[in-house]
């Protein structure tokens, strides 16, 4: 469900795509799709850069920490 009204720019982009499809402008459609894919990749990179990275210790490190804590097999979080 769309919560806000799209900008006029979005309507224009959609209309241009429909007209290209109707006219059979294959090269134009390919170019539009390539541009769209680039924008999506850029957006995905930006989103990934903003998310905190979670690193997980390997089993050998966890075993070493476990043995240092007395080897009782408690979970280390």
PDB file of N, CA and C in Angstrom:
ATOM      1  N   UNK A   1       0.849  -1.171   0.000  1.00  0.00           N
ATOM      2  CA  UNK A   1       0.000   0.000   0.000  1.00  0.00           C
ATOM      3  C   UNK A   1       0.896   1.234   0.000  1.00  0.00           C
ATOM      4  N   UNK A   2       0.586   2.163  -0.873  1.00  0.00           N
ATOM      5  CA  UNK A   2       1.342   3.411  -0.956  1.00  0.00           C
ATOM      6  C   UNK A   2       0.784   4.379   0.076  1.00  0.00           C
ATOM      7  N   UNK A   3       1.671   4.892   0.924  1.00  0.00           N
ATOM      8  CA  UNK A   3       1.229   5.772   1.996  1.00  0.00           C
ATOM      9  C   UNK A   3       1.197   7.233   1.576  1.00  0.00           C
ATOM     10  N   UNK A   4       2.027   7.597   0.602  1.00  0.00           N
ATOM     11  CA  UNK A   4       2.051   8.984   0.141  1.00  0.00           C
ATOM     12  C   UNK A   4       1.913   9.012  -1.372  1.00  0.00           C
ATOM     13  N   UNK A   5       1.449  10.114  -1.876  1.00  0.00           N
ATOM     14  CA  UNK A   5       1.289  10.307  -3.322  1.00  0.00           C
ATOM     15  C   UNK A   5       2.675  10.427  -3.961  1.00  0.00           C
ATOM     16  N   UNK A   6       2.950   9.622  -5.003  1.00  0.00           N
ATOM     17  CA  UNK A   6       4.247   9.738  -5.677  1.00  0.00           C
ATOM     18  C   UNK A   6       4.416  11.119  -6.317  1.00  0.00           C
ATOM     19  N   UNK A   7       5.662  11.506  -6.491  1.00  0.00           N
ATOM     20  CA  UNK A   7       5.966  12.792  -7.116  1.00  0.00           C
ATOM     21  C   UNK A   7       5.649  12.721  -8.606  1.00  0.00           C
ATOM     22  N   UNK A   8       5.453  13.890  -9.222  1.00  0.00           N
ATOM     23  CA  UNK A   8       5.164  13.952 -10.660  1.00  0.00           C
ATOM     24  C   UNK A   8       6.270  13.299 -11.477  1.00  0.00           C
ATOM     25  N   UNK A   9       7.494  13.386 -10.982  1.00  0.00           N
ATOM     26  CA  UNK A   9       8.630  12.779 -11.677  1.00  0.00           C
ATOM     27  C   UNK A   9       8.428  11.273 -11.834  1.00  0.00           C
ATOM     28  N   UNK A  10       7.867  10.642 -10.826  1.00  0.00           N
ATOM     29  CA  UNK A  10       7.615   9.205 -10.870  1.00  0.00           C
ATOM     30  C   UNK A  10       6.565   8.882 -11.930  1.00  0.00           C
ATOM     31  N   UNK A  11       5.503   9.673 -11.988  1.00  0.00           N
ATOM     32  CA  UNK A  11       4.476   9.467 -13.017  1.00  0.00           C
ATOM     33  C   UNK A  11       5.062   9.627 -14.416  1.00  0.00           C
ATOM     34  N   UNK A  12       5.911  10.627 -14.593  1.00  0.00           N
ATOM     35  CA  UNK A  12       6.522  10.870 -15.901  1.00  0.00           C
ATOM     36  C   UNK A  12       7.394   9.682 -16.306  1.00  0.00           C
ATOM     37  N   UNK A  13       8.156   9.151 -15.371  1.00  0.00           N
ATOM     38  CA  UNK A  13       9.010   7.999 -15.649  1.00  0.00           C
ATOM     39  C   UNK A  13       8.179   6.790 -16.054  1.00  0.00           C
ATOM     40  N   UNK A  14       7.090   6.560 -15.346  1.00  0.00           N
ATOM     41  CA  UNK A  14       6.210   5.430 -15.670  1.00  0.00           C
ATOM     42  C   UNK A  14       5.593   5.611 -17.056  1.00  0.00           C
ATOM     43  N   UNK A  15       5.106   6.814 -17.343  1.00  0.00           N
ATOM     44  CA  UNK A  15       4.494   7.090 -18.655  1.00  0.00           C
ATOM     45  C   UNK A  15       5.501   6.921 -19.780  1.00  0.00           C
ATOM     46  N   UNK A  16       6.721   7.408 -19.561  1.00  0.00           N
ATOM     47  CA  UNK A  16       7.758   7.256 -20.583  1.00  0.00           C
ATOM     48  C   UNK A  16       8.042   5.785 -20.856  1.00  0.00           C
ATOM     49  N   UNK A  17       8.087   4.982 -19.808  1.00  0.00           N
ATOM     50  CA  UNK A  17       8.329   3.548 -19.967  1.00  0.00           C
ATOM     51  C   UNK A  17       7.206   2.864 -20.731  1.00  0.00           C
ATOM     52  N   UNK A  18       5.975   3.232 -20.434  1.00  0.00           N
ATOM     53  CA  UNK A  18       4.826   2.648 -21.141  1.00  0.00           C
ATOM     54  C   UNK A  18       4.852   3.032 -22.616  1.00  0.00           C
ATOM     55  N   UNK A  19       5.149   4.298 -22.899  1.00  0.00           N
ATOM     56  CA  UNK A  19       5.217   4.740 -24.297  1.00  0.00           C
ATOM     57  C   UNK A  19       6.331   4.028 -25.056  1.00  0.00           C
ATOM     58  N   UNK A  20       7.474   3.833 -24.417  1.00  0.00           N
ATOM     59  CA  UNK A  20       8.565   3.101 -25.068  1.00  0.00           C
ATOM     60  C   UNK A  20       8.123   1.679 -25.386  1.00  0.00           C
ATOM     61  N   UNK A  21       7.414   1.056 -24.460  1.00  0.00           N
ATOM     62  CA  UNK A  21       6.956  -0.307 -24.666  1.00  0.00           C
ATOM     63  C   UNK A  21       5.954  -0.366 -25.815  1.00  0.00           C
ATOM     64  N   UNK A  22       5.008   0.594 -25.855  1.00  0.00           N
ATOM     65  CA  UNK A  22       3.993   0.629 -26.913  1.00  0.00           C
ATOM     66  C   UNK A  22       4.640   0.840 -28.277  1.00  0.00           C
ATOM     67  N   UNK A  23       5.617   1.736 -28.336  1.00  0.00           N
ATOM     68  CA  UNK A  23       6.292   2.037 -29.602  1.00  0.00           C
ATOM     69  C   UNK A  23       7.278   0.941 -30.005  1.00  0.00           C
ATOM     70  N   UNK A  24       7.592   0.045 -29.090  1.00  0.00           N
ATOM     71  CA  UNK A  24       8.555  -1.012 -29.406  1.00  0.00           C
ATOM     72  C   UNK A  24       9.986  -0.508 -29.391  1.00  0.00           C
ATOM     73  N   UNK A  25      10.261   0.505 -28.593  1.00  0.00           N
ATOM     74  CA  UNK A  25      11.599   1.094 -28.503  1.00  0.00           C
ATOM     75  C   UNK A  25      12.471   0.222 -27.597  1.00  0.00           C
ATOM     76  N   UNK A  26      12.972  -0.867 -28.177  1.00  0.00           N
ATOM     77  CA  UNK A  26      13.728  -1.846 -27.405  1.00  0.00           C
ATOM     78  C   UNK A  26      14.997  -1.233 -26.824  1.00  0.00           C
ATOM     79  N   UNK A  27      15.723  -0.468 -27.618  1.00  0.00           N
ATOM     80  CA  UNK A  27      16.969   0.140 -27.132  1.00  0.00           C
ATOM     81  C   UNK A  27      16.695   1.121 -25.995  1.00  0.00           C
ATOM     82  N   UNK A  28      15.636   1.892 -26.119  1.00  0.00           N
ATOM     83  CA  UNK A  28      15.272   2.830 -25.053  1.00  0.00           C
ATOM     84  C   UNK A  28      14.905   2.107 -23.770  1.00  0.00           C
ATOM     85  N   UNK A  29      14.166   1.004 -23.919  1.00  0.00           N
ATOM     86  CA  UNK A  29      13.772   0.213 -22.751  1.00  0.00           C
ATOM     87  C   UNK A  29      15.005  -0.401 -22.090  1.00  0.00           C
ATOM     88  N   UNK A  30      15.924  -0.924 -22.900  1.00  0.00           N
ATOM     89  CA  UNK A  30      17.154  -1.504 -22.348  1.00  0.00           C
ATOM     90  C   UNK A  30      17.954  -0.460 -21.584  1.00  0.00           C
ATOM     91  N   UNK A  31      18.047   0.748 -22.149  1.00  0.00           N
ATOM     92  CA  UNK A  31      18.792   1.822 -21.491  1.00  0.00           C
ATOM     93  C   UNK A  31      18.113   2.207 -20.181  1.00  0.00           C
ATOM     94  N   UNK A  32      16.790   2.320 -20.199  1.00  0.00           N
ATOM     95  CA  UNK A  32      16.046   2.663 -18.987  1.00  0.00           C
ATOM     96  C   UNK A  32      16.233   1.604 -17.908  1.00  0.00           C
ATOM     97  N   UNK A  33      16.201   0.341 -18.307  1.00  0.00           N
ATOM     98  CA  UNK A  33      16.392  -0.745 -17.349  1.00  0.00           C
ATOM     99  C   UNK A  33      17.804  -0.724 -16.767  1.00  0.00           C
ATOM    100  N   UNK A  34      18.801  -0.446 -17.603  1.00  0.00           N
ATOM    101  CA  UNK A  34      20.182  -0.370 -17.118  1.00  0.00           C
ATOM    102  C   UNK A  34      20.339   0.779 -16.127  1.00  0.00           C
ATOM    103  N   UNK A  35      19.743   1.927 -16.443  1.00  0.00           N
ATOM    104  CA  UNK A  35      19.797   3.073 -15.526  1.00  0.00           C
ATOM    105  C   UNK A  35      19.112   2.740 -14.205  1.00  0.00           C
ATOM    106  N   UNK A  36      17.970   2.082 -14.296  1.00  0.00           N
ATOM    107  CA  UNK A  36      17.219   1.700 -13.098  1.00  0.00           C
ATOM    108  C   UNK A  36      18.036   0.733 -12.239  1.00  0.00           C
ATOM    109  N   UNK A  37      18.679  -0.225 -12.891  1.00  0.00           N
ATOM    110  CA  UNK A  37      19.493  -1.198 -12.162  1.00  0.00           C
ATOM    111  C   UNK A  37      20.659  -0.511 -11.448  1.00  0.00           C
ATOM    112  N   UNK A  38      21.282   0.465 -12.108  1.00  0.00           N
ATOM    113  CA  UNK A  38      22.378   1.212 -11.483  1.00  0.00           C
ATOM    114  C   UNK A  38      21.889   1.964 -10.251  1.00  0.00           C
ATOM    115  N   UNK A  39      20.707   2.580 -10.356  1.00  0.00           N
ATOM    116  CA  UNK A  39      20.145   3.307  -9.214  1.00  0.00           C
ATOM    117  C   UNK A  39      19.855   2.358  -8.057  1.00  0.00           C
ATOM    118  N   UNK A  40      19.320   1.172  -8.371  1.00  0.00           N
ATOM    119  CA  UNK A  40      19.037   0.192  -7.323  1.00  0.00           C
ATOM    120  C   UNK A  40      20.315  -0.277  -6.637  1.00  0.00           C
ATOM    121  N   UNK A  41      21.361  -0.514  -7.422  1.00  0.00           N
ATOM    122  CA  UNK A  41      22.631  -0.948  -6.845  1.00  0.00           C
ATOM    123  C   UNK A  41      23.219   0.142  -5.954  1.00  0.00           C
ATOM    124  N   UNK A  42      23.130   1.385  -6.401  1.00  0.00           N
ATOM    125  CA  UNK A  42      23.626   2.504  -5.601  1.00  0.00           C
ATOM    126  C   UNK A  42      22.842   2.608  -4.290  1.00  0.00           C
ATOM    127  N   UNK A  43      21.538   2.472  -4.375  1.00  0.00           N
ATOM    128  CA  UNK A  43      20.695   2.524  -3.183  1.00  0.00           C
ATOM    129  C   UNK A  43      21.052   1.387  -2.224  1.00  0.00           C
ATOM    130  N   UNK A  44      21.273   0.195  -2.767  1.00  0.00           N
ATOM    131  CA  UNK A  44      21.623  -0.960  -1.935  1.00  0.00           C
ATOM    132  C   UNK A  44      22.968  -0.735  -1.244  1.00  0.00           C
ATOM    133  N   UNK A  45      23.933  -0.150  -1.960  1.00  0.00           N
ATOM    134  CA  UNK A  45      25.237   0.147  -1.351  1.00  0.00           C
ATOM    135  C   UNK A  45      25.087   1.155  -0.219  1.00  0.00           C
ATOM    136  N   UNK A  46      24.282   2.182  -0.439  1.00  0.00           N
ATOM    137  CA  UNK A  46      24.064   3.200   0.592  1.00  0.00           C
ATOM    138  C   UNK A  46      23.398   2.591   1.823  1.00  0.00           C
ATOM    139  N   UNK A  47      22.412   1.739   1.600  1.00  0.00           N
ATOM    140  CA  UNK A  47      21.720   1.087   2.713  1.00  0.00           C
ATOM    141  C   UNK A  47      22.674   0.174   3.483  1.00  0.00           C
ATOM    142  N   UNK A  48      23.504  -0.567   2.756  1.00  0.00           N
ATOM    143  CA  UNK A  48      24.446  -1.478   3.405  1.00  0.00           C
ATOM    144  C   UNK A  48      25.478  -0.703   4.220  1.00  0.00           C
ATOM    145  N   UNK A  49      25.879   0.464   3.733  1.00  0.00           N
ATOM    146  CA  UNK A  49      26.868   1.271   4.448  1.00  0.00           C
ATOM    147  C   UNK A  49      26.295   1.833   5.743  1.00  0.00           C
ATOM    148  N   UNK A  50      24.995   2.036   5.806  1.00  0.00           N
ATOM    149  CA  UNK A  50      24.368   2.613   6.991  1.00  0.00           C
ATOM    150  C   UNK A  50      24.076   1.577   8.069  1.00  0.00           C
ATOM    151  N   UNK A  51      23.996   0.320   7.696  1.00  0.00           N
ATOM    152  CA  UNK A  51      23.669  -0.723   8.666  1.00  0.00           C
ATOM    153  C   UNK A  51      24.923  -1.098   9.455  1.00  0.00           C
ATOM    154  N   UNK A  52      24.767  -1.331  10.746  1.00  0.00           N
ATOM    155  CA  UNK A  52      25.924  -1.766  11.536  1.00  0.00           C
ATOM    156  C   UNK A  52      26.331  -3.177  11.123  1.00  0.00           C
ATOM    157  N   UNK A  53      27.619  -3.420  11.147  1.00  0.00           N
ATOM    158  CA  UNK A  53      28.125  -4.735  10.775  1.00  0.00           C
ATOM    159  C   UNK A  53      28.194  -5.614  12.019  1.00  0.00           C
ATOM    160  N   UNK A  54      27.757  -6.830  11.883  1.00  0.00           N
ATOM    161  CA  UNK A  54      27.803  -7.792  12.979  1.00  0.00           C
ATOM    162  C   UNK A  54      28.855  -8.830  12.623  1.00  0.00           C
ATOM    163  N   UNK A  55      29.829  -8.971  13.498  1.00  0.00           N
ATOM    164  CA  UNK A  55      30.882  -9.947  13.258  1.00  0.00           C
ATOM    165  C   UNK A  55      30.746 -11.068  14.275  1.00  0.00           C
ATOM    166  N   UNK A  56      30.952 -12.278  13.816  1.00  0.00           N
ATOM    167  CA  UNK A  56      30.814 -13.451  14.665  1.00  0.00           C
ATOM    168  C   UNK A  56      32.185 -14.089  14.826  1.00  0.00           C
ATOM    169  N   UNK A  57      32.521 -14.425  16.057  1.00  0.00           N
ATOM    170  CA  UNK A  57      33.798 -15.081  16.323  1.00  0.00           C
ATOM    171  C   UNK A  57      33.734 -16.527  15.850  1.00  0.00           C
ATOM    172  N   UNK A  58      34.870 -17.026  15.399  1.00  0.00           N
ATOM    173  CA  UNK A  58      34.949 -18.407  14.961  1.00  0.00           C
ATOM    174  C   UNK A  58      34.884 -19.366  16.140  1.00  0.00           C
ATOM    175  N   UNK A  59      34.666 -20.633  15.845  1.00  0.00           N
ATOM    176  CA  UNK A  59      34.529 -21.651  16.890  1.00  0.00           C
ATOM    177  C   UNK A  59      35.790 -21.755  17.732  1.00  0.00           C
ATOM    178  N   UNK A  60      36.958 -21.628  17.094  1.00  0.00           N
ATOM    179  CA  UNK A  60      38.204 -21.739  17.854  1.00  0.00           C
ATOM    180  C   UNK A  60      38.338 -20.613  18.878  1.00  0.00           C
ATOM    181  N   UNK A  61      37.917 -19.413  18.527  1.00  0.00           N
ATOM    182  CA  UNK A  61      37.973 -18.281  19.457  1.00  0.00           C
ATOM    183  C   UNK A  61      36.990 -18.505  20.602  1.00  0.00           C
ATOM    184  N   UNK A  62      35.796 -18.972  20.285  1.00  0.00           N
ATOM    185  CA  UNK A  62      34.804 -19.246  21.327  1.00  0.00           C
ATOM    186  C   UNK A  62      35.283 -20.340  22.278  1.00  0.00           C
ATOM    187  N   UNK A  63      35.919 -21.376  21.729  1.00  0.00           N
ATOM    188  CA  UNK A  63      36.458 -22.444  22.580  1.00  0.00           C
ATOM    189  C   UNK A  63      37.557 -21.914  23.487  1.00  0.00           C
ATOM    190  N   UNK A  64      38.403 -21.044  22.942  1.00  0.00           N
ATOM    191  CA  UNK A  64      39.481 -20.452  23.737  1.00  0.00           C
ATOM    192  C   UNK A  64      38.900 -19.607  24.873  1.00  0.00           C
ATOM    193  N   UNK A  65      37.895 -18.798  24.566  1.00  0.00           N
ATOM    194  CA  UNK A  65      37.255 -17.988  25.603  1.00  0.00           C
ATOM    195  C   UNK A  65      36.582 -18.868  26.651  1.00  0.00           C
ATOM    196  N   UNK A  66      35.988 -19.963  26.202  1.00  0.00           N
ATOM    197  CA  UNK A  66      35.328 -20.884  27.117  1.00  0.00           C
ATOM    198  C   UNK A  66      36.340 -21.500  28.077  1.00  0.00           C
ATOM    199  N   UNK A  67      37.487 -21.911  27.532  1.00  0.00           N
ATOM    200  CA  UNK A  67      38.505 -22.513  28.400  1.00  0.00           C
ATOM    201  C   UNK A  67      39.084 -21.487  29.361  1.00  0.00           C
ATOM    202  N   UNK A  68      39.179 -20.228  28.939  1.00  0.00           N
ATOM    203  CA  UNK A  68      39.700 -19.172  29.810  1.00  0.00           C
ATOM    204  C   UNK A  68      38.722 -18.865  30.946  1.00  0.00           C
ATOM    205  N   UNK A  69      37.438 -19.081  30.699  1.00  0.00           N
ATOM    206  CA  UNK A  69      36.440 -18.772  31.725  1.00  0.00           C
ATOM    207  C   UNK A  69      36.182 -19.955  32.655  1.00  0.00           C
ATOM    208  N   UNK A  70      36.956 -20.980  32.525  1.00  0.00           N
ATOM    209  CA  UNK A  70      36.792 -22.122  33.421  1.00  0.00           C
ATOM    210  C   UNK A  70      36.244 -23.349  32.728  1.00  0.00           C
ATOM    211  N   UNK A  71      35.935 -23.244  31.449  1.00  0.00           N
ATOM    212  CA  UNK A  71      35.489 -24.392  30.673  1.00  0.00           C
ATOM    213  C   UNK A  71      34.159 -24.968  31.104  1.00  0.00           C
ATOM    214  N   UNK A  72      33.278 -24.155  31.591  1.00  0.00           N
ATOM    215  CA  UNK A  72      31.983 -24.655  32.065  1.00  0.00           C
ATOM    216  C   UNK A  72      30.953 -24.760  30.940  1.00  0.00           C
ATOM    217  N   UNK A  73      31.349 -24.361  29.725  1.00  0.00           N
ATOM    218  CA  UNK A  73      30.457 -24.497  28.585  1.00  0.00           C
ATOM    219  C   UNK A  73      29.323 -23.504  28.549  1.00  0.00           C
ATOM    220  N   UNK A  74      29.472 -22.391  29.242  1.00  0.00           N
ATOM    221  CA  UNK A  74      28.426 -21.371  29.211  1.00  0.00           C
ATOM    222  C   UNK A  74      28.471 -20.637  27.879  1.00  0.00           C
ATOM    223  N   UNK A  75      27.337 -20.175  27.457  1.00  0.00           N
ATOM    224  CA  UNK A  75      27.274 -19.408  26.218  1.00  0.00           C
ATOM    225  C   UNK A  75      27.895 -18.045  26.427  1.00  0.00           C
ATOM    226  N   UNK A  76      28.646 -17.620  25.463  1.00  0.00           N
ATOM    227  CA  UNK A  76      29.244 -16.289  25.490  1.00  0.00           C
ATOM    228  C   UNK A  76      28.527 -15.455  24.455  1.00  0.00           C
ATOM    229  N   UNK A  77      27.956 -14.349  24.887  1.00  0.00           N
ATOM    230  CA  UNK A  77      27.207 -13.500  23.966  1.00  0.00           C
ATOM    231  C   UNK A  77      27.938 -12.197  23.796  1.00  0.00           C
TER     232      UNK A  77
END
